[in-house]
Amino acid sequence: MPSTQTIEVECPKCHAPRIACRYNYFDRGDLQIHAWEHKCPECGWRDTKAFRSDDPASSASVNASQCPLCGRAGD
């Protein structure tokens, strides 16, 4: 189930003071995907980052279960 929180990060497009941070985790046994989506409720700006277990380059230097924007842990 996705986990969404409102975070105190300024929108890079409209400069609204808060955006939504959504975490999705998919586990198919041989493939795990950690996906982070950030969306501004004011202007609709959206940014998504996903880390796949079958792509070592996508998660080589980051903790995929931690948000790359606000640092919160995925749950």
PDB file of N, CA and C in Angstrom:
ATOM      1  N   MET A   1       0.834  -1.183   0.000  1.00  0.00           N
ATOM      2  CA  MET A   1       0.000   0.000   0.000  1.00  0.00           C
ATOM      3  C   MET A   1       0.877   1.245   0.000  1.00  0.00           C
ATOM      4  N   PRO A   2       0.561   2.228  -0.823  1.00  0.00           N
ATOM      5  CA  PRO A   2       1.371   3.445  -0.870  1.00  0.00           C
ATOM      6  C   PRO A   2       1.287   4.235   0.430  1.00  0.00           C
ATOM      7  N   SER A   3       2.344   4.911   0.747  1.00  0.00           N
ATOM      8  CA  SER A   3       2.420   5.751   1.927  1.00  0.00           C
ATOM      9  C   SER A   3       2.657   7.190   1.482  1.00  0.00           C
ATOM     10  N   THR A   4       1.740   8.101   1.835  1.00  0.00           N
ATOM     11  CA  THR A   4       1.862   9.500   1.437  1.00  0.00           C
ATOM     12  C   THR A   4       1.916  10.391   2.665  1.00  0.00           C
ATOM     13  N   GLN A   5       2.851  11.350   2.635  1.00  0.00           N
ATOM     14  CA  GLN A   5       2.967  12.334   3.698  1.00  0.00           C
ATOM     15  C   GLN A   5       3.144  13.712   3.069  1.00  0.00           C
ATOM     16  N   THR A   6       2.640  14.729   3.736  1.00  0.00           N
ATOM     17  CA  THR A   6       2.904  16.105   3.328  1.00  0.00           C
ATOM     18  C   THR A   6       4.194  16.527   3.998  1.00  0.00           C
ATOM     19  N   ILE A   7       5.113  17.078   3.205  1.00  0.00           N
ATOM     20  CA  ILE A   7       6.422  17.454   3.747  1.00  0.00           C
ATOM     21  C   ILE A   7       6.661  18.946   3.559  1.00  0.00           C
ATOM     22  N   GLU A   8       7.479  19.499   4.423  1.00  0.00           N
ATOM     23  CA  GLU A   8       7.822  20.925   4.397  1.00  0.00           C
ATOM     24  C   GLU A   8       8.991  21.153   3.451  1.00  0.00           C
ATOM     25  N   VAL A   9       8.747  20.969   2.165  1.00  0.00           N
ATOM     26  CA  VAL A   9       9.739  21.210   1.124  1.00  0.00           C
ATOM     27  C   VAL A   9       9.085  22.124   0.101  1.00  0.00           C
ATOM     28  N   GLU A  10       9.789  23.170  -0.294  1.00  0.00           N
ATOM     29  CA  GLU A  10       9.238  24.140  -1.227  1.00  0.00           C
ATOM     30  C   GLU A  10       9.166  23.565  -2.634  1.00  0.00           C
ATOM     31  N   CYS A  11       8.040  23.809  -3.285  1.00  0.00           N
ATOM     32  CA  CYS A  11       7.859  23.377  -4.671  1.00  0.00           C
ATOM     33  C   CYS A  11       8.824  24.156  -5.564  1.00  0.00           C
ATOM     34  N   PRO A  12       9.595  23.475  -6.395  1.00  0.00           N
ATOM     35  CA  PRO A  12      10.545  24.181  -7.259  1.00  0.00           C
ATOM     36  C   PRO A  12       9.880  24.979  -8.385  1.00  0.00           C
ATOM     37  N   LYS A  13       8.611  24.714  -8.651  1.00  0.00           N
ATOM     38  CA  LYS A  13       7.917  25.416  -9.739  1.00  0.00           C
ATOM     39  C   LYS A  13       7.163  26.655  -9.249  1.00  0.00           C
ATOM     40  N   CYS A  14       6.286  26.491  -8.237  1.00  0.00           N
ATOM     41  CA  CYS A  14       5.444  27.612  -7.794  1.00  0.00           C
ATOM     42  C   CYS A  14       5.834  28.151  -6.417  1.00  0.00           C
ATOM     43  N   HIS A  15       6.779  27.479  -5.755  1.00  0.00           N
ATOM     44  CA  HIS A  15       7.291  27.874  -4.441  1.00  0.00           C
ATOM     45  C   HIS A  15       6.277  27.728  -3.312  1.00  0.00           C
ATOM     46  N   ALA A  16       5.278  26.876  -3.488  1.00  0.00           N
ATOM     47  CA  ALA A  16       4.367  26.549  -2.392  1.00  0.00           C
ATOM     48  C   ALA A  16       5.199  25.935  -1.262  1.00  0.00           C
ATOM     49  N   PRO A  17       4.807  26.126  -0.008  1.00  0.00           N
ATOM     50  CA  PRO A  17       5.647  25.687   1.116  1.00  0.00           C
ATOM     51  C   PRO A  17       5.656  24.183   1.381  1.00  0.00           C
ATOM     52  N   ARG A  18       4.705  23.425   0.813  1.00  0.00           N
ATOM     53  CA  ARG A  18       4.623  21.988   1.090  1.00  0.00           C
ATOM     54  C   ARG A  18       4.300  21.213  -0.183  1.00  0.00           C
ATOM     55  N   ILE A  19       4.802  19.990  -0.225  1.00  0.00           N
ATOM     56  CA  ILE A  19       4.470  19.071  -1.312  1.00  0.00           C
ATOM     57  C   ILE A  19       4.137  17.709  -0.709  1.00  0.00           C
ATOM     58  N   ALA A  20       3.528  16.858  -1.504  1.00  0.00           N
ATOM     59  CA  ALA A  20       3.207  15.504  -1.058  1.00  0.00           C
ATOM     60  C   ALA A  20       4.346  14.572  -1.454  1.00  0.00           C
ATOM     61  N   CYS A  21       4.732  13.712  -0.536  1.00  0.00           N
ATOM     62  CA  CYS A  21       5.775  12.711  -0.763  1.00  0.00           C
ATOM     63  C   CYS A  21       5.103  11.344  -0.654  1.00  0.00           C
ATOM     64  N   ARG A  22       5.150  10.586  -1.744  1.00  0.00           N
ATOM     65  CA  ARG A  22       4.475   9.285  -1.773  1.00  0.00           C
ATOM     66  C   ARG A  22       5.504   8.184  -2.026  1.00  0.00           C
ATOM     67  N   TYR A  23       5.414   7.126  -1.232  1.00  0.00           N
ATOM     68  CA  TYR A  23       6.328   5.980  -1.347  1.00  0.00           C
ATOM     69  C   TYR A  23       5.548   4.745  -1.762  1.00  0.00           C
ATOM     70  N   ASN A  24       6.062   4.055  -2.764  1.00  0.00           N
ATOM     71  CA  ASN A  24       5.498   2.772  -3.198  1.00  0.00           C
ATOM     72  C   ASN A  24       6.611   1.731  -3.196  1.00  0.00           C
ATOM     73  N   TYR A  25       6.287   0.542  -2.721  1.00  0.00           N
ATOM     74  CA  TYR A  25       7.253  -0.558  -2.722  1.00  0.00           C
ATOM     75  C   TYR A  25       6.588  -1.765  -3.371  1.00  0.00           C
ATOM     76  N   PHE A  26       7.273  -2.326  -4.345  1.00  0.00           N
ATOM     77  CA  PHE A  26       6.782  -3.506  -5.048  1.00  0.00           C
ATOM     78  C   PHE A  26       7.797  -4.624  -4.863  1.00  0.00           C
ATOM     79  N   ASP A  27       7.308  -5.811  -4.534  1.00  0.00           N
ATOM     80  CA  ASP A  27       8.186  -6.969  -4.354  1.00  0.00           C
ATOM     81  C   ASP A  27       7.580  -8.147  -5.096  1.00  0.00           C
ATOM     82  N   ARG A  28       8.291  -8.583  -6.137  1.00  0.00           N
ATOM     83  CA  ARG A  28       7.843  -9.721  -6.929  1.00  0.00           C
ATOM     84  C   ARG A  28       8.746 -10.940  -6.683  1.00  0.00           C
ATOM     85  N   GLY A  29       9.476 -10.913  -5.615  1.00  0.00           N
ATOM     86  CA  GLY A  29      10.391 -12.013  -5.311  1.00  0.00           C
ATOM     87  C   GLY A  29      11.762 -11.766  -5.908  1.00  0.00           C
ATOM     88  N   ASP A  30      11.857 -11.840  -7.233  1.00  0.00           N
ATOM     89  CA  ASP A  30      13.140 -11.624  -7.900  1.00  0.00           C
ATOM     90  C   ASP A  30      13.370 -10.158  -8.261  1.00  0.00           C
ATOM     91  N   LEU A  31      12.376  -9.311  -8.035  1.00  0.00           N
ATOM     92  CA  LEU A  31      12.477  -7.892  -8.374  1.00  0.00           C
ATOM     93  C   LEU A  31      11.814  -7.047  -7.287  1.00  0.00           C
ATOM     94  N   GLN A  32      12.550  -6.081  -6.771  1.00  0.00           N
ATOM     95  CA  GLN A  32      12.010  -5.115  -5.821  1.00  0.00           C
ATOM     96  C   GLN A  32      12.160  -3.721  -6.437  1.00  0.00           C
ATOM     97  N   ILE A  33      11.127  -2.905  -6.262  1.00  0.00           N
ATOM     98  CA  ILE A  33      11.152  -1.538  -6.761  1.00  0.00           C
ATOM     99  C   ILE A  33      10.721  -0.602  -5.632  1.00  0.00           C
ATOM    100  N   HIS A  34      11.552   0.391  -5.364  1.00  0.00           N
ATOM    101  CA  HIS A  34      11.236   1.461  -4.426  1.00  0.00           C
ATOM    102  C   HIS A  34      10.961   2.690  -5.291  1.00  0.00           C
ATOM    103  N   ALA A  35       9.767   3.257  -5.204  1.00  0.00           N
ATOM    104  CA  ALA A  35       9.411   4.418  -6.015  1.00  0.00           C
ATOM    105  C   ALA A  35       8.980   5.574  -5.117  1.00  0.00           C
ATOM    106  N   TRP A  36       9.535   6.749  -5.388  1.00  0.00           N
ATOM    107  CA  TRP A  36       9.229   7.976  -4.646  1.00  0.00           C
ATOM    108  C   TRP A  36       8.619   8.978  -5.605  1.00  0.00           C
ATOM    109  N   GLU A  37       7.435   9.462  -5.267  1.00  0.00           N
ATOM    110  CA  GLU A  37       6.775  10.466  -6.089  1.00  0.00           C
ATOM    111  C   GLU A  37       6.525  11.709  -5.245  1.00  0.00           C
ATOM    112  N   HIS A  38       6.867  12.853  -5.802  1.00  0.00           N
ATOM    113  CA  HIS A  38       6.635  14.136  -5.140  1.00  0.00           C
ATOM    114  C   HIS A  38       5.715  14.953  -6.021  1.00  0.00           C
ATOM    115  N   LYS A  39       4.679  15.541  -5.405  1.00  0.00           N
ATOM    116  CA  LYS A  39       3.696  16.296  -6.175  1.00  0.00           C
ATOM    117  C   LYS A  39       3.248  17.519  -5.380  1.00  0.00           C
ATOM    118  N   CYS A  40       3.159  18.640  -6.096  1.00  0.00           N
ATOM    119  CA  CYS A  40       2.682  19.872  -5.486  1.00  0.00           C
ATOM    120  C   CYS A  40       1.167  19.945  -5.630  1.00  0.00           C
ATOM    121  N   PRO A  41       0.441  20.111  -4.517  1.00  0.00           N
ATOM    122  CA  PRO A  41      -1.015  20.205  -4.604  1.00  0.00           C
ATOM    123  C   PRO A  41      -1.484  21.540  -5.202  1.00  0.00           C
ATOM    124  N   GLU A  42      -0.602  22.518  -5.249  1.00  0.00           N
ATOM    125  CA  GLU A  42      -0.964  23.836  -5.769  1.00  0.00           C
ATOM    126  C   GLU A  42      -0.880  23.909  -7.294  1.00  0.00           C
ATOM    127  N   CYS A  43       0.250  23.510  -7.865  1.00  0.00           N
ATOM    128  CA  CYS A  43       0.461  23.687  -9.310  1.00  0.00           C
ATOM    129  C   CYS A  43       0.504  22.378 -10.089  1.00  0.00           C
ATOM    130  N   GLY A  44       0.576  21.243  -9.383  1.00  0.00           N
ATOM    131  CA  GLY A  44       0.604  19.953 -10.065  1.00  0.00           C
ATOM    132  C   GLY A  44       1.986  19.468 -10.458  1.00  0.00           C
ATOM    133  N   TRP A  45       3.047  20.219 -10.139  1.00  0.00           N
ATOM    134  CA  TRP A  45       4.413  19.768 -10.433  1.00  0.00           C
ATOM    135  C   TRP A  45       4.607  18.372  -9.865  1.00  0.00           C
ATOM    136  N   ARG A  46       5.318  17.535 -10.612  1.00  0.00           N
ATOM    137  CA  ARG A  46       5.512  16.155 -10.181  1.00  0.00           C
ATOM    138  C   ARG A  46       6.926  15.698 -10.533  1.00  0.00           C
ATOM    139  N   ASP A  47       7.507  14.908  -9.633  1.00  0.00           N
ATOM    140  CA  ASP A  47       8.827  14.318  -9.863  1.00  0.00           C
ATOM    141  C   ASP A  47       8.804  12.909  -9.274  1.00  0.00           C
ATOM    142  N   THR A  48       9.303  11.948 -10.034  1.00  0.00           N
ATOM    143  CA  THR A  48       9.319  10.560  -9.582  1.00  0.00           C
ATOM    144  C   THR A  48      10.724   9.990  -9.717  1.00  0.00           C
ATOM    145  N   LYS A  49      11.145   9.268  -8.685  1.00  0.00           N
ATOM    146  CA  LYS A  49      12.423   8.553  -8.698  1.00  0.00           C
ATOM    147  C   LYS A  49      12.124   7.108  -8.319  1.00  0.00           C
ATOM    148  N   ALA A  50      12.668   6.175  -9.086  1.00  0.00           N
ATOM    149  CA  ALA A  50      12.464   4.753  -8.796  1.00  0.00           C
ATOM    150  C   ALA A  50      13.805   4.041  -8.774  1.00  0.00           C
ATOM    151  N   PHE A  51      13.916   3.085  -7.876  1.00  0.00           N
ATOM    152  CA  PHE A  51      15.132   2.296  -7.714  1.00  0.00           C
ATOM    153  C   PHE A  51      14.758   0.827  -7.846  1.00  0.00           C
ATOM    154  N   ARG A  52      15.376   0.141  -8.810  1.00  0.00           N
ATOM    155  CA  ARG A  52      15.066  -1.263  -9.100  1.00  0.00           C
ATOM    156  C   ARG A  52      16.220  -2.154  -8.656  1.00  0.00           C
ATOM    157  N   SER A  53      15.890  -3.291  -8.093  1.00  0.00           N
ATOM    158  CA  SER A  53      16.924  -4.223  -7.640  1.00  0.00           C
ATOM    159  C   SER A  53      17.685  -4.860  -8.799  1.00  0.00           C
ATOM    160  N   ASP A  54      17.081  -4.899  -9.995  1.00  0.00           N
ATOM    161  CA  ASP A  54      17.768  -5.487 -11.145  1.00  0.00           C
ATOM    162  C   ASP A  54      18.592  -4.464 -11.926  1.00  0.00           C
ATOM    163  N   ASP A  55      18.699  -3.241 -11.398  1.00  0.00           N
ATOM    164  CA  ASP A  55      19.509  -2.199 -12.017  1.00  0.00           C
ATOM    165  C   ASP A  55      20.485  -1.668 -10.978  1.00  0.00           C
ATOM    166  N   PRO A  56      21.675  -2.263 -10.878  1.00  0.00           N
ATOM    167  CA  PRO A  56      22.628  -1.866  -9.835  1.00  0.00           C
ATOM    168  C   PRO A  56      22.995  -0.385  -9.900  1.00  0.00           C
ATOM    169  N   ALA A  57      22.969   0.214 -11.072  1.00  0.00           N
ATOM    170  CA  ALA A  57      23.319   1.629 -11.202  1.00  0.00           C
ATOM    171  C   ALA A  57      22.279   2.534 -10.543  1.00  0.00           C
ATOM    172  N   SER A  58      21.021   2.095 -10.477  1.00  0.00           N
ATOM    173  CA  SER A  58      19.971   2.952  -9.916  1.00  0.00           C
ATOM    174  C   SER A  58      20.021   3.033  -8.402  1.00  0.00           C
ATOM    175  N   SER A  59      20.634   2.074  -7.738  1.00  0.00           N
ATOM    176  CA  SER A  59      20.660   2.107  -6.271  1.00  0.00           C
ATOM    177  C   SER A  59      22.051   1.860  -5.700  1.00  0.00           C
ATOM    178  N   ALA A  60      23.083   2.041  -6.508  1.00  0.00           N
ATOM    179  CA  ALA A  60      24.441   1.747  -6.068  1.00  0.00           C
ATOM    180  C   ALA A  60      24.901   2.640  -4.917  1.00  0.00           C
ATOM    181  N   SER A  61      24.578   3.920  -4.938  1.00  0.00           N
ATOM    182  CA  SER A  61      25.106   4.829  -3.923  1.00  0.00           C
ATOM    183  C   SER A  61      24.030   5.450  -3.036  1.00  0.00           C
ATOM    184  N   VAL A  62      22.810   4.921  -3.072  1.00  0.00           N
ATOM    185  CA  VAL A  62      21.729   5.481  -2.257  1.00  0.00           C
ATOM    186  C   VAL A  62      21.000   4.382  -1.492  1.00  0.00           C
ATOM    187  N   ASN A  63      20.327   4.787  -0.444  1.00  0.00           N
ATOM    188  CA  ASN A  63      19.450   3.882   0.284  1.00  0.00           C
ATOM    189  C   ASN A  63      18.077   4.015  -0.368  1.00  0.00           C
ATOM    190  N   ALA A  64      17.665   3.055  -1.158  1.00  0.00           N
ATOM    191  CA  ALA A  64      16.443   3.144  -1.951  1.00  0.00           C
ATOM    192  C   ALA A  64      15.187   3.253  -1.097  1.00  0.00           C
ATOM    193  N   SER A  65      15.240   2.806   0.153  1.00  0.00           N
ATOM    194  CA  SER A  65      14.060   2.887   1.015  1.00  0.00           C
ATOM    195  C   SER A  65      14.013   4.204   1.799  1.00  0.00           C
ATOM    196  N   GLN A  66      14.880   5.140   1.443  1.00  0.00           N
ATOM    197  CA  GLN A  66      14.871   6.471   2.068  1.00  0.00           C
ATOM    198  C   GLN A  66      14.637   7.513   0.983  1.00  0.00           C
ATOM    199  N   CYS A  67      13.724   8.454   1.238  1.00  0.00           N
ATOM    200  CA  CYS A  67      13.363   9.462   0.243  1.00  0.00           C
ATOM    201  C   CYS A  67      14.582  10.292  -0.170  1.00  0.00           C
ATOM    202  N   PRO A  68      14.840  10.409  -1.473  1.00  0.00           N
ATOM    203  CA  PRO A  68      15.976  11.195  -1.928  1.00  0.00           C
ATOM    204  C   PRO A  68      15.778  12.708  -1.763  1.00  0.00           C
ATOM    205  N   LEU A  69      14.539  13.147  -1.509  1.00  0.00           N
ATOM    206  CA  LEU A  69      14.270  14.579  -1.368  1.00  0.00           C
ATOM    207  C   LEU A  69      14.195  15.025   0.091  1.00  0.00           C
ATOM    208  N   CYS A  70      13.400  14.324   0.903  1.00  0.00           N
ATOM    209  CA  CYS A  70      13.222  14.757   2.296  1.00  0.00           C
ATOM    210  C   CYS A  70      13.898  13.853   3.311  1.00  0.00           C
ATOM    211  N   GLY A  71      14.340  12.667   2.911  1.00  0.00           N
ATOM    212  CA  GLY A  71      15.069  11.776   3.798  1.00  0.00           C
ATOM    213  C   GLY A  71      14.231  10.857   4.656  1.00  0.00           C
ATOM    214  N   ARG A  72      12.902  10.922   4.548  1.00  0.00           N
ATOM    215  CA  ARG A  72      12.079  10.050   5.394  1.00  0.00           C
ATOM    216  C   ARG A  72      12.224   8.597   4.968  1.00  0.00           C
ATOM    217  N   ALA A  73      12.005   7.700   5.884  1.00  0.00           N
ATOM    218  CA  ALA A  73      12.082   6.275   5.596  1.00  0.00           C
ATOM    219  C   ALA A  73      10.759   5.807   5.012  1.00  0.00           C
ATOM    220  N   GLY A  74      10.841   4.953   4.001  1.00  0.00           N
ATOM    221  CA  GLY A  74       9.639   4.365   3.432  1.00  0.00           C
ATOM    222  C   GLY A  74       9.045   3.359   4.387  1.00  0.00           C
ATOM    223  N   ASP A  75       7.732   3.294   4.416  1.00  0.00           N
ATOM    224  CA  ASP A  75       7.075   2.340   5.324  1.00  0.00           C
ATOM    225  C   ASP A  75       5.984   1.594   4.607  1.00  0.00           C
TER     226      ASP A  75
END
